[in-house]
Amino acid sequence: MVKYTSLRPVLWTENFDDTIGFYMQVLGFNLHGRNDEWQWASLYKDEIHLMIAKPNEHEHFGKMGFTGSLYFNVDDVDTLWEELKLKTKICYEIETFPWEMREFAIYDNNGYILQFGQSVE
C-alpha cells in the first residue's frame, strides 16, 4: 500500500507578486523558493506548504476554476480571527458549528476561500 505523505496545493494566479505578498504579509507565510522565470514560488508556515504559480499555456487557466476552499486547522482560531478580521475580505465570521468546529473564512487576493478552524471537543 502506498503511503501519502503530504499535500501541497498549487494556487494559480495572474497576480504572482501580489499573491506571494498576501500569503507572506497577511498570513505570515515564509518564502521557501522562488523562480521568476517560471513564475513559481513555494511558501510555508509551520506544517503547511503551498505553491503559487502563474499558469502556462498548458494549464488552460480560466476554463476551469477552483471549486473548493482551503481548510486550515489551527490551534487558536479566536486569536487568528482577531488578527485577520480587519485585514482581509471576510467570507463568513467566526462561529462555533454543530459539528464541534469553531471556524471562519476569508478570501485571499485572488478570491480563493481560506477557512480556519479549531476543534471544540
C-alpha atoms as a PDB file:
ATOM      1  CA  MET A   1       0.000   0.000   0.000  1.00  0.00           C
ATOM      2  CA  VAL A   2       1.377   3.428  -0.954  1.00  0.00           C
ATOM      3  CA  LYS A   3       1.580   5.944   1.882  1.00  0.00           C
ATOM      4  CA  TYR A   4       0.614   9.532   1.082  1.00  0.00           C
ATOM      5  CA  THR A   5       2.964  11.868   2.936  1.00  0.00           C
ATOM      6  CA  SER A   6       1.709  15.392   2.240  1.00  0.00           C
ATOM      7  CA  LEU A   7      -0.480  17.605   0.089  1.00  0.00           C
ATOM      8  CA  ARG A   8       0.893  20.832  -1.358  1.00  0.00           C
ATOM      9  CA  PRO A   9      -1.727  22.738  -3.301  1.00  0.00           C
ATOM     10  CA  VAL A  10      -0.688  24.913  -6.231  1.00  0.00           C
ATOM     11  CA  LEU A  11      -2.707  28.128  -6.471  1.00  0.00           C
ATOM     12  CA  TRP A  12      -2.788  29.624  -9.953  1.00  0.00           C
ATOM     13  CA  THR A  13      -2.772  33.382 -10.179  1.00  0.00           C
ATOM     14  CA  GLU A  14      -2.319  36.138 -12.712  1.00  0.00           C
ATOM     15  CA  ASN A  15      -1.156  38.302  -9.751  1.00  0.00           C
ATOM     16  CA  PHE A  16       2.047  36.447  -8.899  1.00  0.00           C
ATOM     17  CA  ASP A  17       3.803  39.056  -6.720  1.00  0.00           C
ATOM     18  CA  ASP A  18       0.575  40.221  -5.052  1.00  0.00           C
ATOM     19  CA  THR A  19      -0.320  36.647  -4.124  1.00  0.00           C
ATOM     20  CA  ILE A  20       3.095  35.967  -2.622  1.00  0.00           C
ATOM     21  CA  GLY A  21       2.740  39.237  -0.704  1.00  0.00           C
ATOM     22  CA  PHE A  22      -0.719  38.332   0.611  1.00  0.00           C
ATOM     23  CA  TYR A  23       0.393  34.981   1.990  1.00  0.00           C
ATOM     24  CA  MET A  24       3.593  36.394   3.493  1.00  0.00           C
ATOM     25  CA  GLN A  25       2.363  39.748   4.823  1.00  0.00           C
ATOM     26  CA  VAL A  26      -1.215  38.922   5.833  1.00  0.00           C
ATOM     27  CA  LEU A  27      -0.944  35.249   6.835  1.00  0.00           C
ATOM     28  CA  GLY A  28       2.709  35.127   7.911  1.00  0.00           C
ATOM     29  CA  PHE A  29       3.957  32.519   5.436  1.00  0.00           C
ATOM     30  CA  ASN A  30       7.666  32.281   4.610  1.00  0.00           C
ATOM     31  CA  LEU A  31       9.187  32.060   1.153  1.00  0.00           C
ATOM     32  CA  HIS A  32      10.842  28.669   0.626  1.00  0.00           C
ATOM     33  CA  GLY A  33      11.763  29.093  -3.029  1.00  0.00           C
ATOM     34  CA  ARG A  34      11.001  31.298  -5.991  1.00  0.00           C
ATOM     35  CA  ASN A  35      11.704  31.162  -9.714  1.00  0.00           C
ATOM     36  CA  ASP A  36      10.720  34.332 -11.544  1.00  0.00           C
ATOM     37  CA  GLU A  37      11.425  32.815 -14.965  1.00  0.00           C
ATOM     38  CA  TRP A  38       8.864  30.068 -14.296  1.00  0.00           C
ATOM     39  CA  GLN A  39       6.604  32.432 -12.259  1.00  0.00           C
ATOM     40  CA  TRP A  40       6.531  29.840  -9.461  1.00  0.00           C
ATOM     41  CA  ALA A  41       7.039  30.095  -5.696  1.00  0.00           C
ATOM     42  CA  SER A  42       6.887  27.769  -2.695  1.00  0.00           C
ATOM     43  CA  LEU A  43       5.660  29.084   0.667  1.00  0.00           C
ATOM     44  CA  TYR A  44       5.312  27.554   4.115  1.00  0.00           C
ATOM     45  CA  LYS A  45       4.041  28.292   7.608  1.00  0.00           C
ATOM     46  CA  ASP A  46       4.573  25.712  10.326  1.00  0.00           C
ATOM     47  CA  GLU A  47       3.488  22.388   8.741  1.00  0.00           C
ATOM     48  CA  ILE A  48       1.523  23.977   5.873  1.00  0.00           C
ATOM     49  CA  HIS A  49       3.117  24.195   2.419  1.00  0.00           C
ATOM     50  CA  LEU A  50       1.654  25.650  -0.752  1.00  0.00           C
ATOM     51  CA  MET A  51       2.844  26.777  -4.136  1.00  0.00           C
ATOM     52  CA  ILE A  52       1.932  29.836  -6.171  1.00  0.00           C
ATOM     53  CA  ALA A  53       2.200  29.748  -9.949  1.00  0.00           C
ATOM     54  CA  LYS A  54       1.282  31.812 -12.930  1.00  0.00           C
ATOM     55  CA  PRO A  55      -0.430  29.360 -15.290  1.00  0.00           C
ATOM     56  CA  ASN A  56       1.296  28.467 -18.538  1.00  0.00           C
ATOM     57  CA  GLU A  57      -0.249  27.702 -21.937  1.00  0.00           C
ATOM     58  CA  HIS A  58      -0.766  24.021 -20.994  1.00  0.00           C
ATOM     59  CA  GLU A  59      -2.917  24.755 -17.946  1.00  0.00           C
ATOM     60  CA  HIS A  60      -5.922  26.433 -19.616  1.00  0.00           C
ATOM     61  CA  PHE A  61      -6.312  28.988 -16.842  1.00  0.00           C
ATOM     62  CA  GLY A  62      -9.798  30.437 -16.800  1.00  0.00           C
ATOM     63  CA  LYS A  63     -11.536  27.462 -18.432  1.00  0.00           C
ATOM     64  CA  MET A  64     -11.720  25.501 -15.208  1.00  0.00           C
ATOM     65  CA  GLY A  65     -11.969  27.143 -11.796  1.00  0.00           C
ATOM     66  CA  PHE A  66     -11.123  26.061  -8.294  1.00  0.00           C
ATOM     67  CA  THR A  67     -14.447  24.949  -6.871  1.00  0.00           C
ATOM     68  CA  GLY A  68     -13.489  24.336  -3.279  1.00  0.00           C
ATOM     69  CA  SER A  69     -11.722  26.037  -0.425  1.00  0.00           C
ATOM     70  CA  LEU A  70      -8.528  25.525   1.540  1.00  0.00           C
ATOM     71  CA  TYR A  71      -9.224  24.498   5.141  1.00  0.00           C
ATOM     72  CA  PHE A  72      -6.508  25.208   7.715  1.00  0.00           C
ATOM     73  CA  ASN A  73      -6.633  23.557  11.140  1.00  0.00           C
ATOM     74  CA  VAL A  74      -5.138  25.953  13.699  1.00  0.00           C
ATOM     75  CA  ASP A  75      -4.539  25.829  17.436  1.00  0.00           C
ATOM     76  CA  ASP A  76      -6.004  29.262  18.340  1.00  0.00           C
ATOM     77  CA  VAL A  77      -8.727  30.242  15.904  1.00  0.00           C
ATOM     78  CA  ASP A  78     -10.006  33.141  18.048  1.00  0.00           C
ATOM     79  CA  THR A  79      -6.616  34.881  18.101  1.00  0.00           C
ATOM     80  CA  LEU A  80      -6.234  34.374  14.358  1.00  0.00           C
ATOM     81  CA  TRP A  81      -9.722  35.809  13.793  1.00  0.00           C
ATOM     82  CA  GLU A  82      -8.758  38.931  15.760  1.00  0.00           C
ATOM     83  CA  GLU A  83      -5.573  39.270  13.673  1.00  0.00           C
ATOM     84  CA  LEU A  84      -7.265  38.867  10.288  1.00  0.00           C
ATOM     85  CA  LYS A  85     -10.794  40.261  10.545  1.00  0.00           C
ATOM     86  CA  LEU A  86      -9.798  43.839   9.711  1.00  0.00           C
ATOM     87  CA  LYS A  87      -7.013  42.956   7.234  1.00  0.00           C
ATOM     88  CA  THR A  88      -8.941  40.793   4.784  1.00  0.00           C
ATOM     89  CA  LYS A  89     -12.243  40.363   2.998  1.00  0.00           C
ATOM     90  CA  ILE A  90     -14.452  38.126   5.150  1.00  0.00           C
ATOM     91  CA  CYS A  91     -16.354  35.185   3.674  1.00  0.00           C
ATOM     92  CA  TYR A  92     -18.054  34.320   6.972  1.00  0.00           C
ATOM     93  CA  GLU A  93     -17.403  35.426  10.544  1.00  0.00           C
ATOM     94  CA  ILE A  94     -16.206  33.226  13.374  1.00  0.00           C
ATOM     95  CA  GLU A  95     -18.772  30.805  14.691  1.00  0.00           C
ATOM     96  CA  THR A  96     -18.973  27.519  16.583  1.00  0.00           C
ATOM     97  CA  PHE A  97     -20.755  24.947  14.436  1.00  0.00           C
ATOM     98  CA  PRO A  98     -22.792  21.857  15.467  1.00  0.00           C
ATOM     99  CA  TRP A  99     -20.003  19.601  14.132  1.00  0.00           C
ATOM    100  CA  GLU A 100     -17.804  20.862  17.019  1.00  0.00           C
ATOM    101  CA  MET A 101     -15.589  23.175  14.984  1.00  0.00           C
ATOM    102  CA  ARG A 102     -15.080  26.863  15.641  1.00  0.00           C
ATOM    103  CA  GLU A 103     -14.190  28.477  12.336  1.00  0.00           C
ATOM    104  CA  PHE A 104     -14.247  31.448   9.988  1.00  0.00           C
ATOM    105  CA  ALA A 105     -13.353  32.073   6.372  1.00  0.00           C
ATOM    106  CA  ILE A 106     -11.686  34.837   4.374  1.00  0.00           C
ATOM    107  CA  TYR A 107     -10.877  35.466   0.727  1.00  0.00           C
ATOM    108  CA  ASP A 108      -7.308  35.784  -0.486  1.00  0.00           C
ATOM    109  CA  ASN A 109      -6.349  38.404  -3.069  1.00  0.00           C
ATOM    110  CA  ASN A 110      -7.463  36.076  -5.907  1.00  0.00           C
ATOM    111  CA  GLY A 111     -10.844  35.242  -4.404  1.00  0.00           C
ATOM    112  CA  TYR A 112      -9.843  31.794  -3.115  1.00  0.00           C
ATOM    113  CA  ILE A 113     -11.739  30.909   0.076  1.00  0.00           C
ATOM    114  CA  LEU A 114      -9.480  30.172   3.059  1.00  0.00           C
ATOM    115  CA  GLN A 115     -11.207  28.575   6.054  1.00  0.00           C
ATOM    116  CA  PHE A 116      -9.627  28.385   9.504  1.00  0.00           C
ATOM    117  CA  GLY A 117     -10.942  26.035  12.154  1.00  0.00           C
ATOM    118  CA  GLN A 118     -10.296  24.575  15.579  1.00  0.00           C
ATOM    119  CA  SER A 119     -11.981  21.617  17.233  1.00  0.00           C
ATOM    120  CA  VAL A 120     -14.031  22.494  20.332  1.00  0.00           C
ATOM    121  CA  GLU A 121     -14.463  18.943  21.650  1.00  0.00           C
END
